[in-house]
Amino acid sequence: MIYDYLIIGGGIIGLNIARALKLQYKDANIVVIEKESEVGMHSSGRNSGVLHAGFYYTADSLKAKFTKIGNKKMHEFCESRGLRINRCAKVVVAQSDDEVKGLEELKRRGDVNGVELRWISKEELNEKFPLIDTHQKALFSPTTATIDPKEVTLEFKKYVQELGVEVMTSVSYEKRNYEYEIQTNRGSMRFKKLINCAGLYADKIAKDFNFGHKYTIIPFKGIYLKDKYNVCGLETNVYPVPNLANPFLGVHYTYAVENDSKIGPTAIPAFWRENYKGFDNFNLGEMAQILYYEAKLFLTNAFGFRNLAISEVKKYSKSYLLNLAKGLTRPLDMSGFNSWSTPGIRAQLLDTKTLELVQDFVVEGDEVSVHVLNAVSPAFTSSIPFSQWVVDNYISK
């Protein structure tokens, strides 16, 4: 069989590209292959579950273009399929005069991006959310919400199957055989167009098709400290002012869809791509390559990597992580934060020429193949419009 479209990767992006293609080409023969036994086993099912509003990103970025509409589209999808949504909003707080300036930059970006966002005074914050504290004022984002990312990803799988897309699990890409044929652990597969949405392995597959040569994936491990019964009593997401020079948003509180609270995440440099716990999925070749670039980043302190790495490793300490979070609130009952979440790995693209982390989405391709090389947060929120953009600009043209 020759597939019209063969998609590698059963995460939220791969499934949404399949959705967009099937809605546009109803008679197309489309298959999604996923190396795990189920979809959403990596980043798509292990992220924070926050539906972002879209005010962190500069107006010229793809992230700004897709996050606001993605938030709306994801709300609509969850509602239409009966999935849970916690419409808990978000507050971004400041702890100093300098951080108030950071809030003002976020407000400017939000205004340019057309995102609903408003100032909330310290007094109003105390009345509305008495457990949260800020310096002078805070930003209130009413459209931020939380969902269960695994539940949503599984529902997208079900949805695309209803449309007629074939989803094959436990099928892993091994190599490119010929121009329009790949080898998998289940045999060869032929296609008219291949779309690479392999997340942590997208750069490796791209190189087989002569793309992504100046990039490599650097994995960062994210874990949360969980308060399963929300003993702390928070009722919204609480974020600090981020360092806009890197793509991480800092330690914050997430009020999850299960009505539990989480503190995190970490952004700890990992040593191989699926370095979730101990030596699970250990790969010596991957570790050698990743350590080479991490050592380079550490020695040059590119984008402040050395400081980031040192501070992130400290977050393995429960007391250190709790102390970071305490600055965002008034004194809370922290006794419920007593277990760690399942770790996730962020597939962060590094430009090996400039030694900079790539902040925006990156896609490359030609008439044979398309490669989604960088689809980090807020890719889950943005997945519906971003996937349609990939189809419109790299597949249907």
Protein backbone atom coordinates (compact mmCIF):
# COMPACT_ATOMS: atom_id res chain seq x y z
CA MET A 1 0.00 0.00 0.00
CA ILE A 2 1.10 3.55 -0.74
CA TYR A 3 -0.24 6.10 1.76
CA ASP A 4 -1.09 9.57 0.55
CA TYR A 5 0.16 10.97 3.86
CA LEU A 6 2.31 9.16 6.41
CA ILE A 7 2.64 11.00 9.73
CA ILE A 8 5.35 10.00 12.21
CA GLY A 9 4.36 10.73 15.82
CA GLY A 10 1.06 10.27 17.65
CA GLY A 11 1.27 13.39 19.76
CA ILE A 12 -1.09 16.37 19.70
CA ILE A 13 0.57 17.88 16.60
CA GLY A 14 0.68 14.68 14.56
CA LEU A 15 -2.96 13.91 15.31
CA ASN A 16 -4.06 17.46 14.51
CA ILE A 17 -2.20 17.49 11.20
CA ALA A 18 -4.00 14.22 10.39
CA ARG A 19 -7.27 15.90 11.34
CA ALA A 20 -6.62 18.95 9.17
CA LEU A 21 -5.59 16.81 6.20
CA LYS A 22 -8.60 14.50 6.46
CA LEU A 23 -11.05 17.40 6.72
CA GLN A 24 -9.47 18.94 3.63
CA TYR A 25 -8.90 15.72 1.62
CA LYS A 26 -11.71 13.37 2.59
CA ASP A 27 -10.62 10.59 0.23
CA ALA A 28 -6.94 10.71 1.21
CA ASN A 29 -5.36 7.58 2.67
CA ILE A 30 -3.72 8.85 5.88
CA VAL A 31 -1.79 6.92 8.54
CA VAL A 32 -0.25 8.05 11.83
CA ILE A 33 2.50 5.80 13.20
CA GLU A 34 3.45 5.95 16.88
CA LYS A 35 6.36 4.03 18.39
CA GLU A 36 4.70 3.63 21.80
CA SER A 37 1.75 1.36 22.62
CA GLU A 38 -0.55 4.41 22.85
CA VAL A 39 -0.60 8.02 21.67
CA GLY A 40 0.39 10.90 23.94
CA MET A 41 2.99 8.96 25.93
CA HIS A 42 5.59 11.74 25.79
CA SER A 43 5.29 15.56 25.73
CA SER A 44 1.62 15.65 24.69
CA GLY A 45 0.51 13.56 27.65
CA ARG A 46 3.05 14.79 30.19
CA ASN A 47 2.71 18.58 29.99
CA SER A 48 1.13 20.93 32.53
CA GLY A 49 -2.32 20.84 30.92
CA VAL A 50 -2.49 24.64 30.87
CA LEU A 51 -4.36 26.23 27.96
CA HIS A 52 -2.35 29.43 27.57
CA ALA A 53 -3.94 32.75 26.59
CA GLY A 54 -1.16 34.04 24.31
CA PHE A 55 0.35 37.15 25.92
CA TYR A 56 3.95 35.99 26.46
CA TYR A 57 4.95 36.07 22.81
CA THR A 58 6.11 38.87 20.51
CA ALA A 59 3.63 39.79 17.79
CA ASP A 60 5.93 38.66 14.96
CA SER A 61 6.06 35.07 16.28
CA LEU A 62 4.08 32.03 15.21
CA LYS A 63 3.32 31.43 18.88
CA ALA A 64 1.50 34.78 19.10
CA LYS A 65 -0.33 33.99 15.86
CA PHE A 66 -1.74 30.68 17.06
CA THR A 67 -2.05 30.67 20.87
CA LYS A 68 -5.10 32.92 21.26
CA ILE A 69 -7.14 31.14 18.58
CA GLY A 70 -5.78 27.77 19.74
CA ASN A 71 -7.08 28.44 23.25
CA LYS A 72 -10.55 29.11 21.83
CA LYS A 73 -10.47 26.09 19.48
CA MET A 74 -9.31 23.76 22.26
CA HIS A 75 -12.09 24.99 24.54
CA GLU A 76 -14.58 24.28 21.74
CA PHE A 77 -13.17 20.80 21.10
CA CYS A 78 -13.27 19.84 24.78
CA GLU A 79 -16.83 21.12 25.13
CA SER A 80 -18.02 19.32 21.98
CA ARG A 81 -16.49 16.02 23.14
CA GLY A 82 -17.56 16.30 26.79
CA LEU A 83 -14.03 16.63 28.16
CA ARG A 84 -13.15 18.35 31.43
CA ILE A 85 -12.04 21.99 31.50
CA ASN A 86 -11.07 23.91 34.63
CA ARG A 87 -11.79 27.55 33.77
CA CYS A 88 -9.58 28.72 36.61
CA ALA A 89 -7.87 31.70 34.90
CA LYS A 90 -4.36 32.87 35.77
CA VAL A 91 -2.69 35.62 37.79
CA VAL A 92 0.84 36.82 37.00
CA VAL A 93 2.38 38.55 40.01
CA ALA A 94 5.42 40.77 40.62
CA GLN A 95 7.81 40.76 43.56
CA SER A 96 9.71 44.02 42.87
CA ASP A 97 9.66 47.27 40.87
CA ASP A 98 11.71 45.61 38.13
CA GLU A 99 9.18 42.80 37.87
CA VAL A 100 6.35 45.33 37.58
CA LYS A 101 8.16 46.53 34.44
CA GLY A 102 8.10 42.91 33.27
CA LEU A 103 4.35 42.79 33.86
CA GLU A 104 3.97 45.95 31.78
CA GLU A 105 5.85 44.31 28.89
CA LEU A 106 3.55 41.27 29.10
CA LYS A 107 0.53 43.60 29.04
CA ARG A 108 1.90 45.35 25.95
CA ARG A 109 2.37 42.03 24.21
CA GLY A 110 -1.09 40.89 25.21
CA ASP A 111 -2.66 44.09 23.87
CA VAL A 112 -0.84 43.75 20.53
CA ASN A 113 -1.87 40.09 20.28
CA GLY A 114 -5.51 40.91 21.09
CA VAL A 115 -5.55 38.80 24.22
CA GLU A 116 -8.06 39.50 26.98
CA LEU A 117 -5.91 40.64 29.88
CA ARG A 118 -6.46 43.19 32.61
CA TRP A 119 -4.68 44.84 35.50
CA ILE A 120 -5.69 43.88 39.00
CA SER A 121 -4.57 46.02 41.95
CA LYS A 122 -2.99 44.59 45.07
CA GLU A 123 -6.19 45.42 46.98
CA GLU A 124 -8.47 43.80 44.39
CA LEU A 125 -6.20 40.76 44.26
CA ASN A 126 -6.43 40.44 48.04
CA GLU A 127 -10.21 40.51 47.79
CA LYS A 128 -10.56 38.14 44.82
CA PHE A 129 -7.71 35.74 45.65
CA PRO A 130 -6.72 36.36 49.29
CA LEU A 131 -4.00 33.69 49.22
CA ILE A 132 -2.02 35.40 46.43
CA ASP A 133 0.37 38.32 46.93
CA THR A 134 1.94 40.81 44.54
CA HIS A 135 3.99 44.01 44.46
CA GLN A 136 1.74 46.95 43.48
CA LYS A 137 -0.35 45.14 40.87
CA ALA A 138 -0.83 41.90 38.94
CA LEU A 139 -2.09 40.72 35.56
CA PHE A 140 -5.32 38.71 35.35
CA SER A 141 -5.83 36.33 32.41
CA PRO A 142 -9.45 35.10 32.36
CA THR A 143 -9.10 32.79 29.34
CA THR A 144 -6.30 30.65 30.78
CA ALA A 145 -7.65 27.22 31.77
CA THR A 146 -6.45 23.69 32.52
CA ILE A 147 -7.33 20.36 30.95
CA ASP A 148 -6.07 16.77 31.19
CA PRO A 149 -3.57 16.58 28.30
CA LYS A 150 -3.60 12.78 28.11
CA GLU A 151 -7.39 12.69 28.03
CA VAL A 152 -7.47 15.33 25.27
CA THR A 153 -4.79 13.61 23.17
CA LEU A 154 -6.61 10.27 23.39
CA GLU A 155 -9.82 12.00 22.32
CA PHE A 156 -8.08 13.48 19.26
CA LYS A 157 -6.96 9.95 18.37
CA LYS A 158 -10.55 8.76 18.62
CA TYR A 159 -11.75 11.74 16.58
CA VAL A 160 -9.32 11.23 13.68
CA GLN A 161 -10.14 7.52 13.62
CA GLU A 162 -13.80 8.47 13.28
CA LEU A 163 -12.79 10.58 10.28
CA GLY A 164 -11.10 7.56 8.71
CA VAL A 165 -7.45 8.11 9.66
CA GLU A 166 -5.50 4.94 10.46
CA VAL A 167 -3.53 5.14 13.74
CA MET A 168 -0.87 2.45 14.13
CA THR A 169 0.77 2.14 17.56
CA SER A 170 3.95 0.22 18.44
CA VAL A 171 5.32 1.12 15.00
CA SER A 172 8.65 2.95 15.10
CA TYR A 173 10.61 4.68 12.35
CA GLU A 174 14.03 3.12 11.77
CA LYS A 175 15.44 4.69 8.61
CA ARG A 176 14.71 6.05 5.17
CA ASN A 177 14.95 3.34 2.53
CA TYR A 178 14.22 5.27 -0.66
CA GLU A 179 12.82 8.67 -1.60
CA TYR A 180 9.22 7.64 -0.85
CA GLU A 181 9.76 4.69 1.50
CA ILE A 182 10.77 4.28 5.13
CA GLN A 183 11.71 1.25 7.20
CA THR A 184 9.86 0.59 10.47
CA ASN A 185 10.10 -2.18 13.04
CA ARG A 186 7.03 -3.67 11.32
CA GLY A 187 8.42 -3.53 7.80
CA SER A 188 8.68 -0.95 5.04
CA MET A 189 6.03 1.70 4.39
CA ARG A 190 5.54 3.74 1.21
CA PHE A 191 4.02 7.19 0.93
CA LYS A 192 3.40 10.14 -1.35
CA LYS A 193 4.21 12.65 1.43
CA LEU A 194 5.73 12.16 4.88
CA ILE A 195 5.11 14.49 7.82
CA ASN A 196 7.57 14.22 10.71
CA CYS A 197 6.01 15.10 14.09
CA ALA A 198 8.35 12.92 16.14
CA GLY A 199 9.00 15.42 18.94
CA LEU A 200 12.17 14.38 20.75
CA TYR A 201 13.40 12.61 17.59
CA ALA A 202 12.18 15.09 14.96
CA ASP A 203 15.68 16.44 14.31
CA LYS A 204 17.16 12.97 13.74
CA ILE A 205 14.46 11.97 11.27
CA ALA A 206 14.71 15.35 9.51
CA LYS A 207 18.41 14.78 8.82
CA ASP A 208 17.55 11.54 6.97
CA PHE A 209 15.57 13.74 4.58
CA ASN A 210 18.28 16.42 4.34
CA PHE A 211 16.63 18.93 6.69
CA GLY A 212 17.41 20.38 10.11
CA HIS A 213 21.18 20.37 9.66
CA LYS A 214 21.84 23.41 11.86
CA TYR A 215 19.64 22.14 14.70
CA THR A 216 19.69 19.55 17.44
CA ILE A 217 17.24 18.69 20.22
CA ILE A 218 18.34 19.44 23.79
CA PRO A 219 16.01 17.72 26.28
CA PHE A 220 14.91 19.44 29.49
CA LYS A 221 13.22 17.46 32.26
CA GLY A 222 10.14 18.94 33.90
CA ILE A 223 8.62 17.67 37.14
CA TYR A 224 6.00 19.11 39.49
CA LEU A 225 5.49 18.83 43.24
CA LYS A 226 1.85 17.84 43.74
CA ASP A 227 -0.74 18.77 46.35
CA LYS A 228 -3.25 16.03 45.46
CA TYR A 229 -6.11 17.35 47.58
CA ASN A 230 -5.37 21.06 47.16
CA VAL A 231 -4.66 21.46 50.85
CA CYS A 232 -3.07 24.83 50.04
CA GLY A 233 -6.49 26.15 48.92
CA LEU A 234 -5.49 27.91 45.69
CA GLU A 235 -8.22 28.40 43.09
CA THR A 236 -6.28 29.77 40.11
CA ASN A 237 -2.93 29.45 38.34
CA VAL A 238 -0.25 31.74 39.80
CA TYR A 239 2.79 32.65 37.69
CA PRO A 240 5.86 34.84 38.23
CA VAL A 241 7.22 37.34 35.75
CA PRO A 242 9.33 35.17 33.41
CA ASN A 243 12.80 35.79 32.07
CA LEU A 244 11.82 36.56 28.47
CA ALA A 245 15.34 35.75 27.26
CA ASN A 246 14.62 32.01 27.51
CA PRO A 247 11.50 29.95 26.75
CA PHE A 248 10.80 28.82 30.33
CA LEU A 249 8.13 30.51 32.45
CA GLY A 250 9.61 29.98 35.91
CA VAL A 251 8.30 28.10 38.94
CA HIS A 252 4.56 28.61 39.34
CA TYR A 253 1.38 27.13 40.78
CA THR A 254 -0.94 25.21 38.47
CA TYR A 255 -4.54 24.55 39.51
CA ALA A 256 -5.20 21.35 37.59
CA VAL A 257 -8.41 19.95 36.12
CA GLU A 258 -8.54 17.29 38.86
CA ASN A 259 -8.73 20.19 41.39
CA ASP A 260 -5.26 19.44 42.67
CA SER A 261 -2.41 21.96 42.79
CA LYS A 262 1.14 21.64 41.48
CA ILE A 263 4.35 23.62 41.98
CA GLY A 264 6.86 23.61 39.14
CA PRO A 265 7.93 22.75 36.63
CA THR A 266 11.64 22.27 36.66
CA ALA A 267 13.61 22.72 33.42
CA ILE A 268 16.55 20.48 34.28
CA PRO A 269 18.92 19.65 31.39
CA ALA A 270 18.52 15.92 30.67
CA PHE A 271 21.31 13.63 29.44
CA TRP A 272 19.41 11.67 26.79
CA ARG A 273 16.10 12.15 25.04
CA GLU A 274 13.93 9.92 27.20
CA ASN A 275 15.85 10.46 30.44
CA TYR A 276 12.71 10.35 32.58
CA LYS A 277 13.91 8.31 35.54
CA GLY A 278 17.13 6.56 36.45
CA PHE A 279 18.63 4.78 33.45
CA ASP A 280 15.31 4.09 31.73
CA ASN A 281 15.67 4.30 27.92
CA PHE A 282 19.40 4.96 28.29
CA ASN A 283 21.19 5.66 25.01
CA LEU A 284 24.96 6.14 25.11
CA GLY A 285 25.18 7.75 21.66
CA GLU A 286 22.47 10.26 22.51
CA MET A 287 24.11 11.06 25.83
CA ALA A 288 27.48 11.72 24.18
CA GLN A 289 25.98 14.12 21.64
CA ILE A 290 23.76 15.93 24.15
CA LEU A 291 26.54 16.24 26.74
CA TYR A 292 28.80 17.70 24.02
CA TYR A 293 26.36 20.55 23.41
CA GLU A 294 25.43 20.97 27.07
CA ALA A 295 29.11 21.24 27.98
CA LYS A 296 29.56 23.82 25.24
CA LEU A 297 26.59 25.81 26.52
CA PHE A 298 27.85 25.52 30.11
CA LEU A 299 31.36 26.72 29.27
CA THR A 300 30.20 29.65 27.12
CA ASN A 301 27.19 30.36 29.36
CA ALA A 302 25.18 30.95 26.17
CA PHE A 303 21.77 32.53 27.00
CA GLY A 304 22.71 32.08 30.70
CA PHE A 305 22.71 28.26 30.41
CA ARG A 306 25.26 27.76 33.20
CA ASN A 307 23.17 29.75 35.68
CA LEU A 308 20.00 28.04 34.47
CA ALA A 309 21.49 24.55 34.84
CA ILE A 310 22.79 25.20 38.36
CA SER A 311 19.52 26.73 39.56
CA GLU A 312 17.39 24.01 37.93
CA VAL A 313 19.33 21.12 39.49
CA LYS A 314 18.65 22.69 42.91
CA LYS A 315 14.94 22.16 42.25
CA TYR A 316 15.35 18.46 42.92
CA SER A 317 15.22 19.68 46.52
CA LYS A 318 11.61 19.88 47.71
CA SER A 319 12.42 22.68 50.19
CA TYR A 320 14.19 24.74 47.51
CA LEU A 321 11.25 24.44 45.12
CA LEU A 322 8.75 25.35 47.84
CA ASN A 323 10.77 28.42 48.80
CA LEU A 324 10.75 29.65 45.21
CA ALA A 325 6.98 29.34 45.07
CA LYS A 326 6.39 31.01 48.45
CA GLY A 327 7.24 34.43 47.00
CA LEU A 328 4.09 34.33 44.85
CA THR A 329 1.60 33.98 47.70
CA ARG A 330 0.81 34.81 51.28
CA PRO A 331 1.69 32.04 53.75
CA LEU A 332 0.04 28.81 52.60
CA ASP A 333 -0.44 25.37 54.10
CA MET A 334 2.27 23.57 52.15
CA SER A 335 1.80 20.19 53.84
CA GLY A 336 -0.11 18.79 50.86
CA PHE A 337 2.83 19.16 48.49
CA ASN A 338 4.24 15.74 49.25
CA SER A 339 4.56 13.81 45.97
CA TRP A 340 6.30 14.30 42.63
CA SER A 341 4.47 14.20 39.32
CA THR A 342 5.34 11.94 36.40
CA PRO A 343 8.30 13.65 34.71
CA GLY A 344 8.04 15.09 31.22
CA ILE A 345 10.74 15.97 28.71
CA ARG A 346 10.66 19.20 26.73
CA ALA A 347 12.12 18.72 23.24
CA GLN A 348 13.84 22.10 22.94
CA LEU A 349 15.54 22.93 19.64
CA LEU A 350 19.06 24.36 19.77
CA ASP A 351 20.64 26.32 16.92
CA THR A 352 24.10 24.73 16.88
CA LYS A 353 25.60 27.69 15.00
CA THR A 354 24.49 30.46 17.35
CA LEU A 355 24.14 28.29 20.50
CA GLU A 356 20.69 29.80 21.12
CA LEU A 357 17.53 28.01 22.14
CA VAL A 358 14.99 28.48 19.36
CA GLN A 359 12.02 30.33 20.83
CA ASP A 360 9.45 29.90 18.06
CA PHE A 361 7.93 27.01 16.14
CA VAL A 362 10.14 25.72 13.31
CA VAL A 363 8.99 23.77 10.24
CA GLU A 364 11.00 22.74 7.17
CA GLY A 365 10.03 20.70 4.15
CA ASP A 366 9.70 20.07 0.41
CA GLU A 367 7.46 18.08 -1.92
CA VAL A 368 8.54 14.77 -0.35
CA SER A 369 8.55 15.49 3.39
CA VAL A 370 7.66 18.07 6.06
CA HIS A 371 9.41 18.29 9.45
CA VAL A 372 7.99 19.93 12.58
CA LEU A 373 11.32 20.58 14.30
CA ASN A 374 10.32 22.81 17.20
CA ALA A 375 6.88 22.49 18.74
CA VAL A 376 7.41 23.41 22.38
CA SER A 377 4.98 25.16 24.73
CA PRO A 378 2.42 26.48 23.93
CA ALA A 379 2.25 23.88 21.13
CA PHE A 380 -0.52 21.94 22.90
CA THR A 381 -2.70 25.05 23.18
CA SER A 382 -1.82 26.11 19.61
CA SER A 383 -2.11 22.66 18.06
CA ILE A 384 -5.35 23.12 16.05
CA PRO A 385 -4.49 26.37 14.18
CA PHE A 386 -0.76 25.56 14.02
CA SER A 387 -1.48 22.20 12.38
CA GLN A 388 -3.80 23.86 9.87
CA TRP A 389 -1.03 26.36 9.08
CA VAL A 390 1.43 23.51 8.47
CA VAL A 391 -1.05 21.88 6.07
CA ASP A 392 -1.79 25.16 4.27
CA ASN A 393 1.84 26.26 3.92
CA TYR A 394 3.82 23.03 3.58
CA ILE A 395 1.45 20.35 2.29
CA SER A 396 -1.41 21.89 0.27
CA LYS A 397 0.52 24.57 -1.61
